[in-house]
Amino acid sequence: EGESISLIIKQTNGEEFVLEELEIAYTIEEVKDIIGVRIDKPAEFIKLVHKGRILKDELKVSSYNISHKDTVIMVVKKPATQEQPKFQPNPAPIRAPTQNTPSRPQLPSMSAGGFGLLNQLGYGGGGGDTQLRNQFSQMMQNPMIRQMMQQMLSNPETLDQLIQSNPMLSQMLEQHPH
């Protein structure tokens, strides 16, 4: 029997629970299976984050610098629905990339406090957007959020998953492929 630890799993709603006697030889996928049974959600909808890093399914708990009684953030994504979003802003065109990735659109940078992303999604300009822009600006001041956004936007697999799971982004890319 290998070494085991306890982990505090913190949900996005603030609730926590403890996984006791978790083998450090388990893969993250096995940990997600255990959590999935406990919360009655499929493991494929669970993402685990430790110290700002998204934990990869194929790696073992021992691969990460996770200590006994550390807190791991659990994010449960909702299954994609076939419904179209009720609100569809008029998006600005997405520019074609200039690097060696011809099929991948150039996504907005995180410069200017992330407003490039808001503008790209059609939330730029008007005075009615002030509250949304202020909330987004405050969120982007958090270094952990900023780092996670940078990592997410620089990972091609995550971008593909984000685009596929969001009907609005998929529609934008179909309408403006370059």
N, C-alpha and C. Protein backbone atom coordinates (compact mmCIF):
# COMPACT_ATOMS: atom_id res chain seq x y z
N GLU A 1 0.85 -1.18 0.00
CA GLU A 1 0.00 0.00 0.00
C GLU A 1 0.89 1.23 0.00
N GLY A 2 0.57 2.21 -0.88
CA GLY A 2 1.39 3.41 -1.04
C GLY A 2 1.01 4.50 -0.06
N GLU A 3 1.73 5.60 -0.19
CA GLU A 3 1.48 6.75 0.66
C GLU A 3 0.13 7.38 0.30
N SER A 4 -0.59 7.83 1.33
CA SER A 4 -1.87 8.47 1.07
C SER A 4 -1.93 9.81 1.80
N ILE A 5 -2.79 10.68 1.27
CA ILE A 5 -2.98 12.02 1.84
C ILE A 5 -4.47 12.32 1.90
N SER A 6 -4.81 13.37 2.59
CA SER A 6 -6.18 13.90 2.58
C SER A 6 -6.15 15.21 1.81
N LEU A 7 -7.18 15.43 1.00
CA LEU A 7 -7.30 16.67 0.24
C LEU A 7 -8.60 17.36 0.60
N ILE A 8 -8.53 18.67 0.69
CA ILE A 8 -9.73 19.48 0.87
C ILE A 8 -10.16 19.90 -0.53
N ILE A 9 -11.37 19.52 -0.92
CA ILE A 9 -11.90 19.86 -2.23
C ILE A 9 -12.87 21.03 -2.04
N LYS A 10 -12.52 22.16 -2.64
CA LYS A 10 -13.35 23.36 -2.51
C LYS A 10 -14.10 23.57 -3.81
N GLN A 11 -15.42 23.66 -3.68
CA GLN A 11 -16.27 23.87 -4.85
C GLN A 11 -16.40 25.37 -5.12
N THR A 12 -16.80 25.72 -6.33
CA THR A 12 -16.91 27.13 -6.70
C THR A 12 -17.99 27.87 -5.91
N ASN A 13 -18.92 27.14 -5.31
CA ASN A 13 -19.95 27.78 -4.49
C ASN A 13 -19.46 28.01 -3.06
N GLY A 14 -18.19 27.65 -2.78
CA GLY A 14 -17.61 27.87 -1.46
C GLY A 14 -17.67 26.67 -0.55
N GLU A 15 -18.51 25.69 -0.88
CA GLU A 15 -18.61 24.49 -0.04
C GLU A 15 -17.35 23.64 -0.20
N GLU A 16 -17.01 22.92 0.86
CA GLU A 16 -15.82 22.07 0.86
C GLU A 16 -16.17 20.69 1.37
N PHE A 17 -15.37 19.72 0.93
CA PHE A 17 -15.41 18.39 1.52
C PHE A 17 -14.01 17.82 1.48
N VAL A 18 -13.78 16.76 2.25
CA VAL A 18 -12.44 16.19 2.38
C VAL A 18 -12.42 14.81 1.75
N LEU A 19 -11.39 14.56 0.95
CA LEU A 19 -11.13 13.20 0.46
C LEU A 19 -10.06 12.62 1.38
N GLU A 20 -10.41 11.58 2.11
CA GLU A 20 -9.49 10.95 3.06
C GLU A 20 -8.74 9.81 2.38
N GLU A 21 -7.53 9.57 2.84
CA GLU A 21 -6.72 8.42 2.42
C GLU A 21 -6.66 8.27 0.90
N LEU A 22 -6.31 9.33 0.24
CA LEU A 22 -6.18 9.35 -1.20
C LEU A 22 -4.75 8.94 -1.55
N GLU A 23 -4.62 7.88 -2.31
CA GLU A 23 -3.30 7.37 -2.70
C GLU A 23 -2.63 8.37 -3.63
N ILE A 24 -1.37 8.73 -3.36
CA ILE A 24 -0.67 9.68 -4.23
C ILE A 24 -0.30 9.04 -5.56
N ALA A 25 -0.42 7.72 -5.65
CA ALA A 25 -0.15 7.03 -6.92
C ALA A 25 -1.36 7.08 -7.87
N TYR A 26 -2.51 7.56 -7.38
CA TYR A 26 -3.68 7.69 -8.25
C TYR A 26 -3.42 8.73 -9.32
N THR A 27 -4.01 8.52 -10.48
CA THR A 27 -3.98 9.56 -11.50
C THR A 27 -5.05 10.60 -11.16
N ILE A 28 -4.93 11.77 -11.75
CA ILE A 28 -5.93 12.82 -11.54
C ILE A 28 -7.29 12.33 -12.06
N GLU A 29 -7.26 11.57 -13.13
CA GLU A 29 -8.52 11.01 -13.65
C GLU A 29 -9.18 10.11 -12.61
N GLU A 30 -8.40 9.30 -11.90
CA GLU A 30 -8.97 8.44 -10.85
C GLU A 30 -9.53 9.29 -9.71
N VAL A 31 -8.84 10.36 -9.37
CA VAL A 31 -9.33 11.26 -8.32
C VAL A 31 -10.66 11.88 -8.76
N LYS A 32 -10.73 12.31 -10.03
CA LYS A 32 -11.97 12.89 -10.55
C LYS A 32 -13.11 11.86 -10.54
N ASP A 33 -12.79 10.60 -10.81
CA ASP A 33 -13.80 9.54 -10.74
C ASP A 33 -14.35 9.43 -9.31
N ILE A 34 -13.46 9.46 -8.33
CA ILE A 34 -13.88 9.38 -6.93
C ILE A 34 -14.76 10.57 -6.57
N ILE A 35 -14.33 11.75 -6.98
CA ILE A 35 -15.12 12.96 -6.71
C ILE A 35 -16.45 12.90 -7.44
N GLY A 36 -16.44 12.44 -8.68
CA GLY A 36 -17.67 12.33 -9.47
C GLY A 36 -18.72 11.46 -8.80
N VAL A 37 -18.28 10.35 -8.22
CA VAL A 37 -19.21 9.47 -7.50
C VAL A 37 -19.77 10.21 -6.28
N ARG A 38 -18.89 10.93 -5.60
CA ARG A 38 -19.30 11.62 -4.38
C ARG A 38 -20.30 12.74 -4.66
N ILE A 39 -20.12 13.47 -5.75
CA ILE A 39 -21.01 14.61 -6.04
C ILE A 39 -22.06 14.27 -7.10
N ASP A 40 -22.03 13.04 -7.58
CA ASP A 40 -22.99 12.57 -8.58
C ASP A 40 -22.92 13.36 -9.89
N LYS A 41 -21.69 13.55 -10.38
CA LYS A 41 -21.44 14.22 -11.66
C LYS A 41 -20.43 13.39 -12.43
N PRO A 42 -20.54 13.35 -13.76
CA PRO A 42 -19.54 12.62 -14.55
C PRO A 42 -18.16 13.26 -14.42
N ALA A 43 -17.15 12.43 -14.29
CA ALA A 43 -15.78 12.90 -14.10
C ALA A 43 -15.31 13.80 -15.24
N GLU A 44 -15.80 13.57 -16.46
CA GLU A 44 -15.34 14.37 -17.59
C GLU A 44 -15.79 15.84 -17.50
N PHE A 45 -16.74 16.14 -16.61
CA PHE A 45 -17.18 17.52 -16.43
C PHE A 45 -16.45 18.21 -15.27
N ILE A 46 -15.52 17.49 -14.63
CA ILE A 46 -14.82 18.02 -13.47
C ILE A 46 -13.41 18.46 -13.86
N LYS A 47 -13.05 19.66 -13.44
CA LYS A 47 -11.68 20.16 -13.59
C LYS A 47 -11.16 20.43 -12.18
N LEU A 48 -9.90 20.07 -11.95
CA LEU A 48 -9.28 20.31 -10.65
C LEU A 48 -8.12 21.30 -10.83
N VAL A 49 -8.03 22.25 -9.90
CA VAL A 49 -7.00 23.29 -9.97
C VAL A 49 -6.28 23.33 -8.62
N HIS A 50 -4.96 23.29 -8.67
CA HIS A 50 -4.14 23.38 -7.46
C HIS A 50 -3.10 24.47 -7.67
N LYS A 51 -3.12 25.47 -6.80
CA LYS A 51 -2.17 26.59 -6.87
C LYS A 51 -2.12 27.21 -8.26
N GLY A 52 -3.30 27.39 -8.87
CA GLY A 52 -3.40 28.06 -10.16
C GLY A 52 -3.14 27.18 -11.36
N ARG A 53 -2.86 25.90 -11.17
CA ARG A 53 -2.59 25.00 -12.29
C ARG A 53 -3.73 24.01 -12.45
N ILE A 54 -4.18 23.84 -13.68
CA ILE A 54 -5.20 22.84 -13.97
C ILE A 54 -4.49 21.48 -13.98
N LEU A 55 -5.01 20.54 -13.20
CA LEU A 55 -4.38 19.23 -13.08
C LEU A 55 -4.78 18.35 -14.26
N LYS A 56 -3.79 17.73 -14.89
CA LYS A 56 -4.02 16.92 -16.09
C LYS A 56 -4.38 15.48 -15.70
N ASP A 57 -5.40 14.95 -16.39
CA ASP A 57 -5.94 13.62 -16.08
C ASP A 57 -4.89 12.53 -16.04
N GLU A 58 -3.95 12.56 -16.99
CA GLU A 58 -3.02 11.43 -17.13
C GLU A 58 -1.90 11.43 -16.10
N LEU A 59 -1.71 12.54 -15.39
CA LEU A 59 -0.64 12.61 -14.40
C LEU A 59 -1.10 12.12 -13.04
N LYS A 60 -0.15 11.69 -12.23
CA LYS A 60 -0.47 11.18 -10.89
C LYS A 60 -0.48 12.33 -9.89
N VAL A 61 -1.17 12.10 -8.79
CA VAL A 61 -1.20 13.09 -7.71
C VAL A 61 0.23 13.41 -7.29
N SER A 62 1.08 12.40 -7.25
CA SER A 62 2.48 12.59 -6.82
C SER A 62 3.27 13.46 -7.81
N SER A 63 2.77 13.65 -9.04
CA SER A 63 3.45 14.49 -10.03
C SER A 63 3.38 15.96 -9.67
N TYR A 64 2.39 16.32 -8.87
CA TYR A 64 2.19 17.70 -8.48
C TYR A 64 2.69 17.87 -7.05
N ASN A 65 3.03 19.06 -6.69
CA ASN A 65 3.51 19.35 -5.35
C ASN A 65 2.30 19.53 -4.42
N ILE A 66 1.52 18.46 -4.26
CA ILE A 66 0.32 18.50 -3.43
C ILE A 66 0.65 17.85 -2.09
N SER A 67 0.39 18.57 -1.02
CA SER A 67 0.68 18.08 0.32
C SER A 67 -0.59 17.65 1.03
N HIS A 68 -0.40 16.90 2.11
CA HIS A 68 -1.51 16.47 2.96
C HIS A 68 -2.31 17.69 3.41
N LYS A 69 -3.61 17.62 3.27
CA LYS A 69 -4.57 18.66 3.66
C LYS A 69 -4.50 19.92 2.80
N ASP A 70 -3.89 19.84 1.60
CA ASP A 70 -3.92 20.96 0.67
C ASP A 70 -5.34 21.13 0.14
N THR A 71 -5.64 22.34 -0.32
CA THR A 71 -6.94 22.62 -0.92
C THR A 71 -6.81 22.56 -2.44
N VAL A 72 -7.73 21.85 -3.06
CA VAL A 72 -7.82 21.76 -4.51
C VAL A 72 -9.17 22.33 -4.91
N ILE A 73 -9.17 23.23 -5.88
CA ILE A 73 -10.41 23.85 -6.36
C ILE A 73 -11.03 22.93 -7.40
N MET A 74 -12.33 22.69 -7.27
CA MET A 74 -13.06 21.84 -8.22
C MET A 74 -14.03 22.72 -9.00
N VAL A 75 -13.93 22.64 -10.32
CA VAL A 75 -14.86 23.35 -11.20
C VAL A 75 -15.63 22.28 -11.96
N VAL A 76 -16.94 22.37 -11.92
CA VAL A 76 -17.78 21.43 -12.66
C VAL A 76 -18.42 22.20 -13.81
N LYS A 77 -18.07 21.81 -15.03
CA LYS A 77 -18.66 22.50 -16.17
C LYS A 77 -19.98 21.83 -16.52
N LYS A 78 -20.86 22.63 -17.04
CA LYS A 78 -22.18 22.11 -17.41
C LYS A 78 -22.08 21.46 -18.78
N PRO A 79 -22.86 20.39 -19.00
CA PRO A 79 -22.85 19.77 -20.33
C PRO A 79 -23.34 20.76 -21.37
N ALA A 80 -22.76 20.69 -22.55
CA ALA A 80 -23.17 21.57 -23.65
C ALA A 80 -24.62 21.26 -24.02
N THR A 81 -25.38 22.32 -24.25
CA THR A 81 -26.76 22.15 -24.68
C THR A 81 -26.86 22.56 -26.14
N GLN A 82 -27.89 22.13 -26.78
CA GLN A 82 -28.11 22.45 -28.18
C GLN A 82 -28.83 23.78 -28.37
N GLU A 83 -29.26 24.39 -27.23
CA GLU A 83 -29.98 25.65 -27.32
C GLU A 83 -29.03 26.76 -27.76
N GLN A 84 -29.56 27.69 -28.53
CA GLN A 84 -28.81 28.86 -28.92
C GLN A 84 -28.90 29.86 -27.77
N PRO A 85 -27.86 30.63 -27.54
CA PRO A 85 -27.94 31.64 -26.48
C PRO A 85 -29.00 32.69 -26.81
N LYS A 86 -29.66 33.19 -25.77
CA LYS A 86 -30.72 34.17 -25.97
C LYS A 86 -30.14 35.51 -26.42
N PHE A 87 -28.98 35.86 -25.91
CA PHE A 87 -28.35 37.12 -26.26
C PHE A 87 -27.17 36.84 -27.18
N GLN A 88 -27.20 37.43 -28.37
CA GLN A 88 -26.11 37.24 -29.31
C GLN A 88 -25.61 38.60 -29.75
N PRO A 89 -24.49 39.06 -29.15
CA PRO A 89 -23.98 40.37 -29.54
C PRO A 89 -23.45 40.33 -30.96
N ASN A 90 -23.33 41.49 -31.55
CA ASN A 90 -22.77 41.61 -32.88
C ASN A 90 -21.25 41.64 -32.73
N PRO A 91 -20.57 40.50 -32.96
CA PRO A 91 -19.15 40.43 -32.66
C PRO A 91 -18.30 41.15 -33.69
N ALA A 92 -17.15 41.63 -33.22
CA ALA A 92 -16.15 42.19 -34.12
C ALA A 92 -15.48 41.02 -34.84
N PRO A 93 -15.00 41.22 -36.06
CA PRO A 93 -14.36 40.11 -36.77
C PRO A 93 -13.10 39.64 -36.06
N ILE A 94 -12.84 38.35 -36.17
CA ILE A 94 -11.63 37.76 -35.60
C ILE A 94 -10.58 37.74 -36.69
N ARG A 95 -9.39 38.24 -36.36
CA ARG A 95 -8.32 38.31 -37.35
C ARG A 95 -7.68 36.95 -37.55
N ALA A 96 -7.21 36.72 -38.77
CA ALA A 96 -6.50 35.48 -39.07
C ALA A 96 -5.13 35.52 -38.41
N PRO A 97 -4.62 34.36 -37.97
CA PRO A 97 -3.31 34.33 -37.33
C PRO A 97 -2.21 34.60 -38.34
N THR A 98 -1.09 35.09 -37.82
CA THR A 98 0.06 35.35 -38.68
C THR A 98 1.15 34.31 -38.46
N GLN A 99 0.93 33.41 -37.50
CA GLN A 99 1.93 32.40 -37.21
C GLN A 99 1.62 31.12 -37.97
N ASN A 100 2.26 30.01 -37.60
CA ASN A 100 2.13 28.75 -38.32
C ASN A 100 0.91 27.94 -37.91
N THR A 101 -0.17 28.58 -37.53
CA THR A 101 -1.39 27.87 -37.16
C THR A 101 -2.52 28.39 -38.04
N PRO A 102 -2.58 27.96 -39.31
CA PRO A 102 -3.53 28.55 -40.25
C PRO A 102 -4.99 28.33 -39.88
N SER A 103 -5.34 27.28 -39.17
CA SER A 103 -6.75 27.03 -38.89
C SER A 103 -7.22 27.65 -37.59
N ARG A 104 -6.31 28.18 -36.78
CA ARG A 104 -6.69 28.70 -35.47
C ARG A 104 -6.84 30.22 -35.55
N PRO A 105 -8.01 30.75 -35.12
CA PRO A 105 -8.19 32.20 -35.13
C PRO A 105 -7.32 32.85 -34.06
N GLN A 106 -6.98 34.10 -34.30
CA GLN A 106 -6.22 34.86 -33.31
C GLN A 106 -7.20 35.37 -32.27
N LEU A 107 -7.03 34.94 -31.05
CA LEU A 107 -7.90 35.40 -29.98
C LEU A 107 -7.33 36.66 -29.38
N PRO A 108 -8.18 37.48 -28.76
CA PRO A 108 -7.72 38.74 -28.21
C PRO A 108 -6.73 38.53 -27.08
N SER A 109 -5.84 39.48 -26.93
CA SER A 109 -4.85 39.39 -25.87
C SER A 109 -5.48 39.81 -24.55
N MET A 110 -4.74 39.59 -23.49
CA MET A 110 -5.21 39.98 -22.17
C MET A 110 -4.72 41.38 -21.83
N SER A 111 -4.19 42.09 -22.81
CA SER A 111 -3.73 43.45 -22.55
C SER A 111 -4.90 44.35 -22.25
N ALA A 112 -4.61 45.51 -21.75
CA ALA A 112 -5.63 46.51 -21.39
C ALA A 112 -6.65 45.93 -20.43
N GLY A 113 -6.17 45.15 -19.47
CA GLY A 113 -7.07 44.61 -18.45
C GLY A 113 -8.07 43.62 -18.99
N GLY A 114 -7.82 43.03 -20.15
CA GLY A 114 -8.73 42.05 -20.71
C GLY A 114 -9.84 42.64 -21.55
N PHE A 115 -9.84 43.96 -21.77
CA PHE A 115 -10.93 44.57 -22.52
C PHE A 115 -10.92 44.15 -23.98
N GLY A 116 -9.77 43.70 -24.49
CA GLY A 116 -9.73 43.18 -25.85
C GLY A 116 -10.70 42.02 -26.00
N LEU A 117 -10.77 41.18 -24.97
CA LEU A 117 -11.70 40.05 -24.99
C LEU A 117 -13.13 40.54 -24.97
N LEU A 118 -13.45 41.51 -24.12
CA LEU A 118 -14.82 42.05 -24.08
C LEU A 118 -15.19 42.68 -25.42
N ASN A 119 -14.28 43.46 -25.98
CA ASN A 119 -14.56 44.10 -27.27
C ASN A 119 -14.76 43.06 -28.35
N GLN A 120 -13.95 42.01 -28.35
CA GLN A 120 -14.04 40.96 -29.36
C GLN A 120 -15.40 40.25 -29.28
N LEU A 121 -15.95 40.14 -28.07
CA LEU A 121 -17.23 39.47 -27.89
C LEU A 121 -18.41 40.43 -28.06
N GLY A 122 -18.12 41.67 -28.43
CA GLY A 122 -19.21 42.60 -28.73
C GLY A 122 -19.68 43.40 -27.55
N TYR A 123 -18.89 43.46 -26.47
CA TYR A 123 -19.30 44.21 -25.30
C TYR A 123 -18.59 45.55 -25.21
N GLY A 124 -17.94 45.98 -26.26
CA GLY A 124 -17.18 47.23 -26.19
C GLY A 124 -18.04 48.42 -26.49
N GLY A 125 -17.54 49.56 -26.11
CA GLY A 125 -18.16 50.79 -26.58
C GLY A 125 -19.17 51.40 -25.65
N GLY A 126 -20.43 51.08 -25.78
CA GLY A 126 -21.54 51.81 -25.17
C GLY A 126 -21.44 52.00 -23.68
N GLY A 127 -22.10 53.06 -23.20
CA GLY A 127 -22.07 53.39 -21.79
C GLY A 127 -22.79 52.38 -20.92
N GLY A 128 -23.71 51.60 -21.47
CA GLY A 128 -24.45 50.61 -20.70
C GLY A 128 -23.60 49.43 -20.27
N ASP A 129 -22.39 49.37 -20.81
CA ASP A 129 -21.50 48.25 -20.50
C ASP A 129 -20.60 48.56 -19.32
N THR A 130 -20.75 49.71 -18.68
CA THR A 130 -19.82 50.16 -17.65
C THR A 130 -19.74 49.17 -16.50
N GLN A 131 -20.87 48.69 -16.01
CA GLN A 131 -20.85 47.77 -14.87
C GLN A 131 -20.15 46.46 -15.25
N LEU A 132 -20.45 45.92 -16.42
CA LEU A 132 -19.80 44.69 -16.87
C LEU A 132 -18.30 44.91 -17.02
N ARG A 133 -17.92 46.03 -17.61
CA ARG A 133 -16.49 46.33 -17.79
C ARG A 133 -15.79 46.47 -16.44
N ASN A 134 -16.44 47.12 -15.48
CA ASN A 134 -15.85 47.29 -14.15
C ASN A 134 -15.68 45.94 -13.45
N GLN A 135 -16.69 45.09 -13.54
CA GLN A 135 -16.59 43.77 -12.93
C GLN A 135 -15.47 42.96 -13.58
N PHE A 136 -15.40 43.01 -14.89
CA PHE A 136 -14.37 42.27 -15.62
C PHE A 136 -12.99 42.81 -15.26
N SER A 137 -12.87 44.13 -15.17
CA SER A 137 -11.59 44.75 -14.82
C SER A 137 -11.15 44.33 -13.42
N GLN A 138 -12.07 44.33 -12.47
CA GLN A 138 -11.74 43.89 -11.11
C GLN A 138 -11.29 42.43 -11.10
N MET A 139 -11.98 41.59 -11.83
CA MET A 139 -11.63 40.17 -11.90
C MET A 139 -10.22 40.01 -12.49
N MET A 140 -9.91 40.79 -13.53
CA MET A 140 -8.62 40.65 -14.20
C MET A 140 -7.47 41.24 -13.38
N GLN A 141 -7.76 41.96 -12.31
CA GLN A 141 -6.71 42.47 -11.43
C GLN A 141 -6.15 41.36 -10.56
N ASN A 142 -6.89 40.28 -10.40
CA ASN A 142 -6.43 39.15 -9.59
C ASN A 142 -5.36 38.39 -10.37
N PRO A 143 -4.13 38.32 -9.86
CA PRO A 143 -3.04 37.66 -10.61
C PRO A 143 -3.33 36.19 -10.91
N MET A 144 -4.03 35.51 -10.01
CA MET A 144 -4.33 34.10 -10.25
C MET A 144 -5.30 33.94 -11.43
N ILE A 145 -6.33 34.78 -11.47
CA ILE A 145 -7.29 34.74 -12.58
C ILE A 145 -6.57 35.08 -13.88
N ARG A 146 -5.75 36.09 -13.84
CA ARG A 146 -5.00 36.52 -15.03
C ARG A 146 -4.11 35.40 -15.55
N GLN A 147 -3.42 34.73 -14.62
CA GLN A 147 -2.53 33.62 -15.02
C GLN A 147 -3.34 32.48 -15.63
N MET A 148 -4.48 32.14 -15.00
CA MET A 148 -5.30 31.06 -15.54
C MET A 148 -5.84 31.41 -16.92
N MET A 149 -6.23 32.67 -17.11
CA MET A 149 -6.74 33.10 -18.43
C MET A 149 -5.62 33.01 -19.47
N GLN A 150 -4.42 33.45 -19.11
CA GLN A 150 -3.29 33.39 -20.05
C GLN A 150 -3.00 31.94 -20.43
N GLN A 151 -2.98 31.04 -19.43
CA GLN A 151 -2.71 29.63 -19.70
C GLN A 151 -3.80 29.04 -20.59
N MET A 152 -5.04 29.37 -20.28
CA MET A 152 -6.16 28.83 -21.05
C MET A 152 -6.08 29.31 -22.50
N LEU A 153 -5.81 30.59 -22.71
CA LEU A 153 -5.79 31.13 -24.06
C LEU A 153 -4.56 30.70 -24.85
N SER A 154 -3.54 30.21 -24.18
CA SER A 154 -2.34 29.77 -24.90
C SER A 154 -2.32 28.26 -25.14
N ASN A 155 -3.32 27.54 -24.66
CA ASN A 155 -3.38 26.09 -24.83
C ASN A 155 -4.35 25.74 -25.96
N PRO A 156 -3.84 25.21 -27.08
CA PRO A 156 -4.71 24.91 -28.24
C PRO A 156 -5.84 23.94 -27.91
N GLU A 157 -5.58 22.93 -27.08
CA GLU A 157 -6.63 21.96 -26.73
C GLU A 157 -7.75 22.65 -25.94
N THR A 158 -7.37 23.50 -25.01
CA THR A 158 -8.37 24.21 -24.21
C THR A 158 -9.18 25.15 -25.09
N LEU A 159 -8.50 25.83 -26.01
CA LEU A 159 -9.22 26.73 -26.92
C LEU A 159 -10.22 25.96 -27.77
N ASP A 160 -9.80 24.82 -28.31
CA ASP A 160 -10.73 24.01 -29.11
C ASP A 160 -11.93 23.59 -28.28
N GLN A 161 -11.68 23.14 -27.05
CA GLN A 161 -12.77 22.71 -26.18
C GLN A 161 -13.69 23.89 -25.85
N LEU A 162 -13.11 25.05 -25.58
CA LEU A 162 -13.90 26.25 -25.28
C LEU A 162 -14.78 26.62 -26.46
N ILE A 163 -14.21 26.61 -27.65
CA ILE A 163 -14.96 26.98 -28.85
C ILE A 163 -16.06 25.97 -29.12
N GLN A 164 -15.77 24.68 -28.97
CA GLN A 164 -16.77 23.64 -29.24
C GLN A 164 -17.90 23.66 -28.22
N SER A 165 -17.60 24.04 -26.98
CA SER A 165 -18.63 23.99 -25.93
C SER A 165 -19.45 25.27 -25.85
N ASN A 166 -19.08 26.29 -26.63
CA ASN A 166 -19.79 27.56 -26.56
C ASN A 166 -20.40 27.86 -27.93
N PRO A 167 -21.71 27.72 -28.05
CA PRO A 167 -22.36 27.96 -29.34
C PRO A 167 -22.10 29.36 -29.91
N MET A 168 -22.00 30.36 -29.04
CA MET A 168 -21.77 31.72 -29.52
C MET A 168 -20.39 31.83 -30.16
N LEU A 169 -19.36 31.26 -29.53
CA LEU A 169 -18.01 31.30 -30.11
C LEU A 169 -17.96 30.51 -31.42
N SER A 170 -18.60 29.34 -31.43
CA SER A 170 -18.63 28.53 -32.65
C SER A 170 -19.28 29.31 -33.79
N GLN A 171 -20.39 29.97 -33.49
CA GLN A 171 -21.11 30.75 -34.50
C GLN A 171 -20.24 31.92 -34.99
N MET A 172 -19.54 32.57 -34.06
CA MET A 172 -18.66 33.68 -34.46
C MET A 172 -17.59 33.19 -35.42
N LEU A 173 -17.01 32.03 -35.14
CA LEU A 173 -15.95 31.51 -36.00
C LEU A 173 -16.48 31.07 -37.36
N GLU A 174 -17.70 30.58 -37.39
CA GLU A 174 -18.30 30.21 -38.68
C GLU A 174 -18.56 31.45 -39.53
N GLN A 175 -19.04 32.53 -38.89
CA GLN A 175 -19.35 33.77 -39.59
C GLN A 175 -18.11 34.54 -39.99
N HIS A 176 -17.06 34.45 -39.19
CA HIS A 176 -15.83 35.21 -39.42
C HIS A 176 -14.63 34.28 -39.31
N PRO A 177 -14.39 33.41 -40.31
CA PRO A 177 -13.30 32.45 -40.18
C PRO A 177 -11.92 33.10 -40.18
N HIS A 178 -11.79 34.28 -40.67
CA HIS A 178 -10.48 34.94 -40.67
C HIS A 178 -10.58 36.31 -40.08
